[in-house]
Amino acid sequence: MRANFRLQRLFTGAALSAGAEIDADENQFHYLAHVLRAEPDTEILLFNGRDGEWKARIAFPTRKKIRFLLAEQTRPQPPLPDLHYLFAPLKVGRMDYLVQKAVEMGAGLLQPVMTQHTQGKAGSLDKIRANVMEAAEQCGILAVPEVAEPKRLQDLLDGWPDDRRIIYCDEGDAGQNPLPVLSSVRETKLALLVGPEGGFSEEERQRLRALPFVTAIPLGPRILRADTAAVAALAVLQATIGDWR
């Protein structure tokens, strides 16, 4: 069932069920009361990543408080996508864009990875999660991706399970077309690894290429910025061996 974009959607950490009453937090109150200027009985949609999507009415028990009165479930909870997205942190702004697009493109887990050429810091995981929630609200997503603690690339590879294949974007690959390479992948449990703005070091490239659970792909004849490469790689992966098929 497709999302209803005529109604405002909000994420909440509270449990959702018929007849439940949930108080809006401070940010939600400000947004609804002062930005949208919502009136009593305005209908909105709530989701929490666990209980599906619910239609609710807005009530004002006091002038400085909003309460959500839940009526009915509009969409059931789907499973979390099984695609893991592994990315080197970027500078502020571009990092926000990268996270939002990964959510939109169907990542189920976001894993910051520290490489030798990583220029940005891992940053606040709370901020990354806030970007995840915002993307989910705007795009009708109900299965909210998880955000993992940052790991060094070496440590991540040392503990990697053999049953999940890593597709990694290698800007030094001699080819141009990723489709033949992706079409040969038979695993269904996948992870996509996108490097930093400076690319992977030669040592990291050699390590990745030597691992049996890693497949390197090119991304065309042009050098892409890291955030552009992320969107391009997610698109071709989902279209060939992901959930767009």
Protein backbone atom coordinates (compact mmCIF):
# COMPACT_ATOMS: atom_id res chain seq x y z
CA MET A 1 0.00 0.00 0.00
CA ARG A 2 1.43 3.37 -1.05
CA ALA A 3 1.91 6.27 1.35
CA ASN A 4 -0.68 9.02 1.69
CA PHE A 5 1.20 12.26 1.07
CA ARG A 6 -1.86 14.48 1.56
CA LEU A 7 -1.50 14.20 5.34
CA GLN A 8 1.43 15.29 7.49
CA ARG A 9 3.55 12.34 8.68
CA LEU A 10 5.41 12.34 12.00
CA PHE A 11 7.70 9.84 13.69
CA THR A 12 7.13 9.00 17.35
CA GLY A 13 8.90 6.66 19.73
CA ALA A 14 5.63 5.75 21.48
CA ALA A 15 3.68 2.53 20.93
CA LEU A 16 0.80 2.90 18.47
CA SER A 17 -2.60 1.22 18.79
CA ALA A 18 -6.29 2.00 18.31
CA GLY A 19 -7.57 4.45 20.92
CA ALA A 20 -4.11 5.39 22.19
CA GLU A 21 -3.41 8.98 23.20
CA ILE A 22 0.13 10.33 22.75
CA ASP A 23 1.48 13.73 23.72
CA ALA A 24 3.49 15.59 21.10
CA ASP A 25 7.07 16.43 22.04
CA GLU A 26 8.34 20.02 22.10
CA ASN A 27 9.56 20.02 18.49
CA GLN A 28 6.35 18.46 17.20
CA PHE A 29 4.27 21.00 19.11
CA HIS A 30 6.24 23.91 17.66
CA TYR A 31 6.02 22.54 14.13
CA LEU A 32 2.30 21.78 14.23
CA ALA A 33 1.14 24.79 16.24
CA HIS A 34 3.45 27.54 14.97
CA VAL A 35 4.67 26.41 11.52
CA LEU A 36 1.65 24.55 10.14
CA ARG A 37 -0.83 26.37 12.41
CA ALA A 38 -2.79 23.15 12.74
CA GLU A 39 -6.34 23.33 14.10
CA PRO A 40 -8.04 20.92 16.52
CA ASP A 41 -9.19 17.70 14.79
CA THR A 42 -6.59 18.06 12.03
CA GLU A 43 -5.72 14.57 10.77
CA ILE A 44 -2.09 13.42 10.63
CA LEU A 45 -0.24 10.12 10.22
CA LEU A 46 2.05 8.65 12.89
CA PHE A 47 4.63 5.86 12.63
CA ASN A 48 7.31 4.46 14.95
CA GLY A 49 9.12 1.86 12.84
CA ARG A 50 7.39 -0.98 14.71
CA ASP A 51 3.60 -0.73 14.62
CA GLY A 52 2.84 0.42 11.09
CA GLU A 53 1.24 3.75 10.20
CA TRP A 54 -1.74 5.20 12.06
CA LYS A 55 -4.19 8.01 11.38
CA ALA A 56 -4.64 10.35 14.34
CA ARG A 57 -6.48 13.55 15.19
CA ILE A 58 -4.86 16.54 16.89
CA ALA A 59 -6.28 17.76 20.20
CA PHE A 60 -5.21 20.76 22.30
CA PRO A 61 -5.73 19.84 25.98
CA THR A 62 -4.02 23.16 26.84
CA ARG A 63 -2.73 26.12 24.82
CA LYS A 64 0.83 24.78 25.07
CA LYS A 65 0.17 21.09 24.54
CA ILE A 66 -0.85 18.87 21.63
CA ARG A 67 -2.17 15.34 22.01
CA PHE A 68 -2.53 12.77 19.23
CA LEU A 69 -5.72 10.67 19.35
CA LEU A 70 -5.17 7.49 17.36
CA ALA A 71 -8.04 6.18 15.25
CA GLU A 72 -7.03 3.44 12.81
CA GLN A 73 -4.05 1.80 11.17
CA THR A 74 -3.58 2.93 7.58
CA ARG A 75 -0.62 0.71 6.62
CA PRO A 76 0.85 -2.42 8.27
CA GLN A 77 4.48 -2.54 9.34
CA PRO A 78 6.76 -3.86 6.56
CA PRO A 79 10.02 -5.69 7.28
CA LEU A 80 13.26 -3.74 7.43
CA PRO A 81 15.21 -3.83 4.14
CA ASP A 82 18.18 -6.20 4.33
CA LEU A 83 20.63 -3.96 2.47
CA HIS A 84 23.52 -2.68 4.62
CA TYR A 85 25.01 0.65 3.61
CA LEU A 86 28.65 1.15 4.62
CA PHE A 87 29.98 4.67 4.12
CA ALA A 88 32.95 6.82 5.00
CA PRO A 89 31.75 9.98 6.82
CA LEU A 90 31.77 13.16 4.77
CA LYS A 91 31.77 16.84 5.67
CA VAL A 92 28.66 18.36 7.24
CA GLY A 93 25.95 19.02 4.67
CA ARG A 94 27.08 16.39 2.21
CA MET A 95 26.88 13.84 5.02
CA ASP A 96 23.25 14.83 5.68
CA TYR A 97 22.45 14.40 1.99
CA LEU A 98 24.17 11.01 1.85
CA VAL A 99 22.22 9.67 4.84
CA GLN A 100 18.87 10.91 3.56
CA LYS A 101 19.40 9.38 0.12
CA ALA A 102 20.49 6.04 1.57
CA VAL A 103 17.21 5.89 3.49
CA GLU A 104 15.19 6.80 0.40
CA MET A 105 17.00 4.16 -1.68
CA GLY A 106 16.20 1.27 0.65
CA ALA A 107 19.09 0.83 3.08
CA GLY A 108 18.15 -1.09 6.22
CA LEU A 109 21.36 -0.43 8.16
CA LEU A 110 23.68 2.58 8.01
CA GLN A 111 27.25 1.82 9.10
CA PRO A 112 29.84 4.63 9.27
CA VAL A 113 33.27 3.29 8.28
CA MET A 114 36.56 5.04 9.04
CA THR A 115 39.10 4.60 6.24
CA GLN A 116 42.66 5.87 5.78
CA HIS A 117 41.53 8.82 3.64
CA THR A 118 38.36 9.69 5.54
CA GLN A 119 38.25 13.48 5.93
CA GLY A 120 35.03 13.92 7.87
CA LYS A 121 34.41 12.81 11.43
CA ALA A 122 31.85 10.17 12.33
CA GLY A 123 29.91 12.95 14.02
CA SER A 124 26.88 12.62 16.24
CA LEU A 125 24.92 9.42 15.79
CA ASP A 126 21.90 11.29 17.15
CA LYS A 127 22.17 13.72 14.23
CA ILE A 128 22.44 10.85 11.75
CA ARG A 129 19.35 9.25 13.30
CA ALA A 130 17.50 12.58 13.10
CA ASN A 131 18.28 12.71 9.38
CA VAL A 132 17.05 9.13 9.02
CA MET A 133 13.75 10.04 10.72
CA GLU A 134 13.30 13.15 8.58
CA ALA A 135 13.86 11.19 5.37
CA ALA A 136 11.41 8.51 6.52
CA GLU A 137 8.77 11.15 7.34
CA GLN A 138 9.10 12.85 3.97
CA CYS A 139 9.23 9.72 1.82
CA GLY A 140 6.52 7.56 3.36
CA ILE A 141 8.98 5.00 4.75
CA LEU A 142 7.77 2.89 7.69
CA ALA A 143 10.72 0.53 8.24
CA VAL A 144 13.21 2.97 9.78
CA PRO A 145 16.87 2.00 9.14
CA GLU A 146 19.19 1.31 12.04
CA VAL A 147 22.35 3.37 12.59
CA ALA A 148 25.41 1.44 13.81
CA GLU A 149 28.41 2.68 15.75
CA PRO A 150 31.36 3.75 13.55
CA LYS A 151 34.03 1.13 12.84
CA ARG A 152 37.47 1.16 11.26
CA LEU A 153 37.43 -0.52 7.87
CA GLN A 154 40.02 -3.06 9.01
CA ASP A 155 37.97 -4.04 12.05
CA LEU A 156 34.78 -4.25 9.99
CA LEU A 157 36.37 -6.62 7.47
CA ASP A 158 38.02 -8.75 10.17
CA GLY A 159 34.63 -9.52 11.72
CA TRP A 160 32.55 -9.68 8.54
CA PRO A 161 30.18 -12.67 8.09
CA ASP A 162 30.87 -14.82 5.05
CA ASP A 163 27.18 -15.00 4.04
CA ARG A 164 26.79 -11.26 3.25
CA ARG A 165 28.51 -10.01 0.11
CA ILE A 166 30.06 -6.55 0.08
CA ILE A 167 29.73 -4.62 -3.18
CA TYR A 168 32.38 -1.93 -3.14
CA CYS A 169 32.76 1.03 -5.47
CA ASP A 170 36.30 1.07 -6.84
CA GLU A 171 37.13 4.29 -8.67
CA GLY A 172 40.38 2.65 -9.83
CA ASP A 173 38.61 -0.20 -11.62
CA ALA A 174 39.57 -0.49 -15.28
CA GLY A 175 35.99 -1.10 -16.43
CA GLN A 176 33.11 1.33 -16.82
CA ASN A 177 29.91 -0.71 -16.67
CA PRO A 178 28.88 -2.18 -13.27
CA LEU A 179 25.91 -4.14 -14.63
CA PRO A 180 27.72 -7.30 -15.87
CA VAL A 181 29.56 -7.58 -12.56
CA LEU A 182 26.41 -7.14 -10.47
CA SER A 183 24.47 -9.59 -12.64
CA SER A 184 26.91 -12.34 -11.65
CA VAL A 185 26.26 -11.90 -7.90
CA ARG A 186 24.16 -14.75 -6.50
CA GLU A 187 23.93 -13.81 -2.82
CA THR A 188 20.75 -12.17 -1.54
CA LYS A 189 22.29 -10.70 1.64
CA LEU A 190 24.18 -7.62 0.48
CA ALA A 191 26.14 -4.61 1.69
CA LEU A 192 27.28 -1.60 -0.32
CA LEU A 193 30.58 0.08 0.58
CA VAL A 194 31.29 3.63 -0.64
CA GLY A 195 34.63 5.23 0.17
CA PRO A 196 35.65 8.73 1.25
CA GLU A 197 36.21 11.85 -0.83
CA GLY A 198 39.85 10.89 -1.28
CA GLY A 199 39.04 7.34 -2.31
CA PHE A 200 40.37 4.13 -0.79
CA SER A 201 44.09 3.81 -0.23
CA GLU A 202 45.99 1.30 -2.35
CA GLU A 203 46.45 -0.87 0.72
CA GLU A 204 42.70 -0.88 1.35
CA ARG A 205 41.93 -1.65 -2.29
CA GLN A 206 44.27 -4.62 -2.26
CA ARG A 207 42.75 -5.92 0.98
CA LEU A 208 39.20 -5.57 -0.35
CA ARG A 209 39.99 -7.26 -3.65
CA ALA A 210 41.63 -10.20 -1.88
CA LEU A 211 38.55 -11.07 0.18
CA PRO A 212 36.22 -13.78 -1.20
CA PHE A 213 33.07 -12.02 0.04
CA VAL A 214 33.87 -8.70 -1.71
CA THR A 215 32.94 -7.69 -5.28
CA ALA A 216 34.38 -4.50 -6.81
CA ILE A 217 32.34 -2.51 -9.30
CA PRO A 218 33.14 0.55 -11.44
CA LEU A 219 30.75 3.49 -11.71
CA GLY A 220 31.24 4.66 -15.27
CA PRO A 221 33.93 6.67 -17.05
CA ARG A 222 33.78 9.74 -14.78
CA ILE A 223 35.07 10.33 -11.26
CA LEU A 224 32.07 10.94 -8.99
CA ARG A 225 31.90 12.80 -5.71
CA ALA A 226 31.38 10.46 -2.79
CA ASP A 227 27.77 11.50 -2.20
CA THR A 228 26.96 11.22 -5.93
CA ALA A 229 28.64 7.81 -6.07
CA ALA A 230 26.49 6.66 -3.17
CA VAL A 231 23.23 7.43 -4.97
CA ALA A 232 24.47 6.01 -8.30
CA ALA A 233 25.69 2.79 -6.69
CA LEU A 234 22.50 2.30 -4.69
CA ALA A 235 20.42 2.78 -7.85
CA VAL A 236 22.29 0.26 -10.01
CA LEU A 237 22.47 -2.26 -7.17
CA GLN A 238 18.74 -2.05 -6.39
CA ALA A 239 17.87 -2.24 -10.09
CA THR A 240 19.99 -5.32 -10.83
CA ILE A 241 20.12 -7.47 -7.68
CA GLY A 242 18.11 -5.49 -5.11
CA ASP A 243 14.44 -4.86 -4.39
CA TRP A 244 13.62 -2.90 -7.58
CA ARG A 245 13.49 -6.10 -9.63
